[in-house]
Amino acid sequence: MTELSALSFEAAMAELEDVVRKLESGSVPLEESIALYERGATLKAHCDAKLRAAEEKVELIRARDGAAVGTVPAEGM
């Protein structure tokens, strides 16, 4: 498994989709299912954080009338 902090939003979503597919198949042993569920929860939290950060960056560049007022460097995106 890749270190979570190194995953882009897209890579984390792809891994999360794989986790869900495996869990939904019902063919994974119980212990592996638990580990997959834990990884899925962590991936979901990572994706949520990435989305929140992106939303905050968009808000920083929007004025009340929709015109750009400036930019802030995108860190980690």
N, C-alpha and C. Protein backbone atom coordinates (compact mmCIF):
# COMPACT_ATOMS: atom_id res chain seq x y z
N MET A 1 0.84 -1.18 0.00
CA MET A 1 0.00 0.00 0.00
C MET A 1 0.88 1.25 0.00
N THR A 2 0.46 2.21 -0.76
CA THR A 2 1.18 3.47 -0.86
C THR A 2 0.93 4.32 0.37
N GLU A 3 1.96 5.04 0.80
CA GLU A 3 1.81 5.98 1.92
C GLU A 3 0.72 6.98 1.58
N LEU A 4 -0.20 7.18 2.47
CA LEU A 4 -1.37 8.01 2.22
C LEU A 4 -1.02 9.43 1.81
N SER A 5 -0.07 10.04 2.48
CA SER A 5 0.27 11.43 2.19
C SER A 5 0.82 11.60 0.77
N ALA A 6 1.31 10.52 0.18
CA ALA A 6 1.87 10.59 -1.18
C ALA A 6 0.80 10.44 -2.26
N LEU A 7 -0.41 10.09 -1.87
CA LEU A 7 -1.46 9.85 -2.85
C LEU A 7 -2.17 11.13 -3.27
N SER A 8 -2.33 11.29 -4.57
CA SER A 8 -3.17 12.37 -5.07
C SER A 8 -4.62 12.00 -4.81
N PHE A 9 -5.50 12.97 -4.99
CA PHE A 9 -6.92 12.70 -4.83
C PHE A 9 -7.36 11.58 -5.77
N GLU A 10 -6.93 11.67 -7.02
CA GLU A 10 -7.34 10.68 -8.03
C GLU A 10 -6.84 9.28 -7.69
N ALA A 11 -5.59 9.19 -7.23
CA ALA A 11 -5.03 7.88 -6.87
C ALA A 11 -5.74 7.31 -5.65
N ALA A 12 -6.04 8.16 -4.69
CA ALA A 12 -6.75 7.70 -3.49
C ALA A 12 -8.16 7.23 -3.84
N MET A 13 -8.84 7.95 -4.72
CA MET A 13 -10.18 7.53 -5.14
C MET A 13 -10.13 6.20 -5.87
N ALA A 14 -9.14 6.01 -6.73
CA ALA A 14 -9.01 4.75 -7.46
C ALA A 14 -8.79 3.59 -6.48
N GLU A 15 -7.94 3.81 -5.48
CA GLU A 15 -7.70 2.76 -4.49
C GLU A 15 -8.96 2.50 -3.66
N LEU A 16 -9.67 3.57 -3.31
CA LEU A 16 -10.91 3.42 -2.54
C LEU A 16 -11.94 2.62 -3.34
N GLU A 17 -12.06 2.90 -4.62
CA GLU A 17 -12.98 2.15 -5.48
C GLU A 17 -12.60 0.67 -5.52
N ASP A 18 -11.29 0.38 -5.55
CA ASP A 18 -10.83 -1.01 -5.54
C ASP A 18 -11.19 -1.69 -4.22
N VAL A 19 -11.02 -0.97 -3.12
CA VAL A 19 -11.37 -1.50 -1.80
C VAL A 19 -12.86 -1.84 -1.76
N VAL A 20 -13.69 -0.92 -2.22
CA VAL A 20 -15.14 -1.13 -2.21
C VAL A 20 -15.51 -2.34 -3.07
N ARG A 21 -14.90 -2.42 -4.25
CA ARG A 21 -15.18 -3.55 -5.15
C ARG A 21 -14.85 -4.88 -4.47
N LYS A 22 -13.70 -4.94 -3.80
CA LYS A 22 -13.29 -6.17 -3.12
C LYS A 22 -14.26 -6.51 -1.99
N LEU A 23 -14.64 -5.51 -1.21
CA LEU A 23 -15.56 -5.76 -0.09
C LEU A 23 -16.93 -6.19 -0.59
N GLU A 24 -17.40 -5.57 -1.66
CA GLU A 24 -18.72 -5.92 -2.19
C GLU A 24 -18.75 -7.30 -2.83
N SER A 25 -17.60 -7.79 -3.25
CA SER A 25 -17.56 -9.10 -3.90
C SER A 25 -17.91 -10.22 -2.92
N GLY A 26 -17.64 -9.98 -1.63
CA GLY A 26 -17.93 -10.99 -0.62
C GLY A 26 -16.99 -12.17 -0.60
N SER A 27 -15.94 -12.10 -1.40
CA SER A 27 -15.01 -13.23 -1.49
C SER A 27 -13.74 -13.03 -0.68
N VAL A 28 -13.69 -11.97 0.13
CA VAL A 28 -12.51 -11.66 0.91
C VAL A 28 -12.68 -12.23 2.32
N PRO A 29 -11.66 -12.92 2.85
CA PRO A 29 -11.75 -13.46 4.22
C PRO A 29 -11.99 -12.34 5.24
N LEU A 30 -12.55 -12.70 6.37
CA LEU A 30 -12.95 -11.73 7.39
C LEU A 30 -11.81 -10.80 7.80
N GLU A 31 -10.67 -11.34 8.15
CA GLU A 31 -9.55 -10.51 8.61
C GLU A 31 -9.11 -9.53 7.53
N GLU A 32 -9.07 -9.97 6.29
CA GLU A 32 -8.70 -9.08 5.19
C GLU A 32 -9.79 -8.02 4.97
N SER A 33 -11.04 -8.42 5.17
CA SER A 33 -12.15 -7.47 5.04
C SER A 33 -12.02 -6.34 6.05
N ILE A 34 -11.64 -6.69 7.27
CA ILE A 34 -11.48 -5.68 8.31
C ILE A 34 -10.35 -4.72 7.94
N ALA A 35 -9.23 -5.26 7.46
CA ALA A 35 -8.10 -4.43 7.05
C ALA A 35 -8.49 -3.54 5.87
N LEU A 36 -9.24 -4.08 4.93
CA LEU A 36 -9.69 -3.30 3.78
C LEU A 36 -10.64 -2.19 4.23
N TYR A 37 -11.53 -2.50 5.15
CA TYR A 37 -12.46 -1.50 5.65
C TYR A 37 -11.71 -0.35 6.32
N GLU A 38 -10.70 -0.69 7.12
CA GLU A 38 -9.90 0.33 7.78
C GLU A 38 -9.18 1.20 6.75
N ARG A 39 -8.60 0.56 5.72
CA ARG A 39 -7.91 1.31 4.67
C ARG A 39 -8.92 2.20 3.93
N GLY A 40 -10.09 1.68 3.67
CA GLY A 40 -11.12 2.46 2.99
C GLY A 40 -11.52 3.69 3.78
N ALA A 41 -11.68 3.54 5.08
CA ALA A 41 -12.04 4.68 5.93
C ALA A 41 -10.94 5.73 5.91
N THR A 42 -9.70 5.29 5.93
CA THR A 42 -8.58 6.21 5.87
C THR A 42 -8.51 6.91 4.52
N LEU A 43 -8.73 6.17 3.45
CA LEU A 43 -8.73 6.76 2.11
C LEU A 43 -9.85 7.78 1.97
N LYS A 44 -11.02 7.48 2.51
CA LYS A 44 -12.15 8.41 2.43
C LYS A 44 -11.82 9.70 3.15
N ALA A 45 -11.23 9.60 4.32
CA ALA A 45 -10.86 10.80 5.08
C ALA A 45 -9.82 11.62 4.30
N HIS A 46 -8.88 10.94 3.66
CA HIS A 46 -7.86 11.61 2.85
C HIS A 46 -8.51 12.36 1.69
N CYS A 47 -9.43 11.71 1.00
CA CYS A 47 -10.13 12.34 -0.12
C CYS A 47 -10.96 13.53 0.35
N ASP A 48 -11.64 13.38 1.48
CA ASP A 48 -12.43 14.48 2.04
C ASP A 48 -11.54 15.69 2.34
N ALA A 49 -10.36 15.44 2.90
CA ALA A 49 -9.43 16.52 3.23
C ALA A 49 -8.93 17.21 1.96
N LYS A 50 -8.63 16.42 0.94
CA LYS A 50 -8.17 16.99 -0.34
C LYS A 50 -9.27 17.86 -0.95
N LEU A 51 -10.52 17.40 -0.89
CA LEU A 51 -11.63 18.18 -1.43
C LEU A 51 -11.83 19.48 -0.66
N ARG A 52 -11.77 19.40 0.66
CA ARG A 52 -11.92 20.61 1.48
C ARG A 52 -10.84 21.63 1.15
N ALA A 53 -9.60 21.15 1.00
CA ALA A 53 -8.49 22.04 0.67
C ALA A 53 -8.70 22.69 -0.69
N ALA A 54 -9.18 21.93 -1.65
CA ALA A 54 -9.44 22.48 -2.98
C ALA A 54 -10.55 23.52 -2.92
N GLU A 55 -11.60 23.25 -2.17
CA GLU A 55 -12.70 24.21 -2.03
C GLU A 55 -12.22 25.50 -1.38
N GLU A 56 -11.36 25.39 -0.38
CA GLU A 56 -10.83 26.58 0.28
C GLU A 56 -10.00 27.40 -0.69
N LYS A 57 -9.21 26.74 -1.53
CA LYS A 57 -8.38 27.46 -2.50
C LYS A 57 -9.25 28.18 -3.53
N VAL A 58 -10.32 27.54 -3.95
CA VAL A 58 -11.23 28.18 -4.90
C VAL A 58 -11.86 29.42 -4.27
N GLU A 59 -12.28 29.30 -3.03
CA GLU A 59 -12.89 30.44 -2.34
C GLU A 59 -11.92 31.59 -2.20
N LEU A 60 -10.64 31.31 -2.05
CA LEU A 60 -9.64 32.36 -1.92
C LEU A 60 -9.48 33.16 -3.20
N ILE A 61 -9.79 32.59 -4.34
CA ILE A 61 -9.60 33.30 -5.60
C ILE A 61 -10.90 33.87 -6.18
N ARG A 62 -12.00 33.68 -5.47
CA ARG A 62 -13.30 34.20 -5.94
C ARG A 62 -13.69 35.45 -5.17
N ALA A 63 -14.14 36.44 -5.88
CA ALA A 63 -14.68 37.63 -5.22
C ALA A 63 -16.20 37.44 -5.12
N ARG A 64 -16.86 38.31 -4.45
CA ARG A 64 -18.31 38.17 -4.28
C ARG A 64 -19.04 38.17 -5.61
N ASP A 65 -18.51 38.89 -6.59
CA ASP A 65 -19.18 38.93 -7.89
C ASP A 65 -18.65 37.87 -8.86
N GLY A 66 -17.77 37.03 -8.40
CA GLY A 66 -17.25 35.94 -9.24
C GLY A 66 -15.96 36.26 -9.95
N ALA A 67 -15.46 37.47 -9.82
CA ALA A 67 -14.20 37.84 -10.47
C ALA A 67 -13.03 37.38 -9.60
N ALA A 68 -11.96 36.98 -10.24
CA ALA A 68 -10.77 36.57 -9.52
C ALA A 68 -10.15 37.77 -8.83
N VAL A 69 -9.73 37.59 -7.58
CA VAL A 69 -9.11 38.68 -6.84
C VAL A 69 -7.66 38.38 -6.52
N GLY A 70 -7.18 37.23 -6.85
CA GLY A 70 -5.81 36.84 -6.60
C GLY A 70 -5.68 35.34 -6.49
N THR A 71 -4.49 34.89 -6.29
CA THR A 71 -4.27 33.45 -6.17
C THR A 71 -3.38 33.17 -4.99
N VAL A 72 -3.46 31.98 -4.52
CA VAL A 72 -2.61 31.46 -3.46
C VAL A 72 -1.99 30.20 -4.02
N PRO A 73 -0.67 30.00 -3.87
CA PRO A 73 -0.05 28.78 -4.41
C PRO A 73 -0.73 27.53 -3.89
N ALA A 74 -0.97 26.61 -4.78
CA ALA A 74 -1.58 25.32 -4.40
C ALA A 74 -0.50 24.44 -3.82
N GLU A 75 -0.61 24.16 -2.54
CA GLU A 75 0.37 23.31 -1.87
C GLU A 75 -0.17 21.90 -1.77
N GLY A 76 0.57 20.95 -2.31
CA GLY A 76 0.20 19.56 -2.18
C GLY A 76 -0.89 19.10 -3.11
N MET A 77 -1.31 19.90 -4.04
CA MET A 77 -2.35 19.47 -4.97
C MET A 77 -1.76 19.24 -6.33
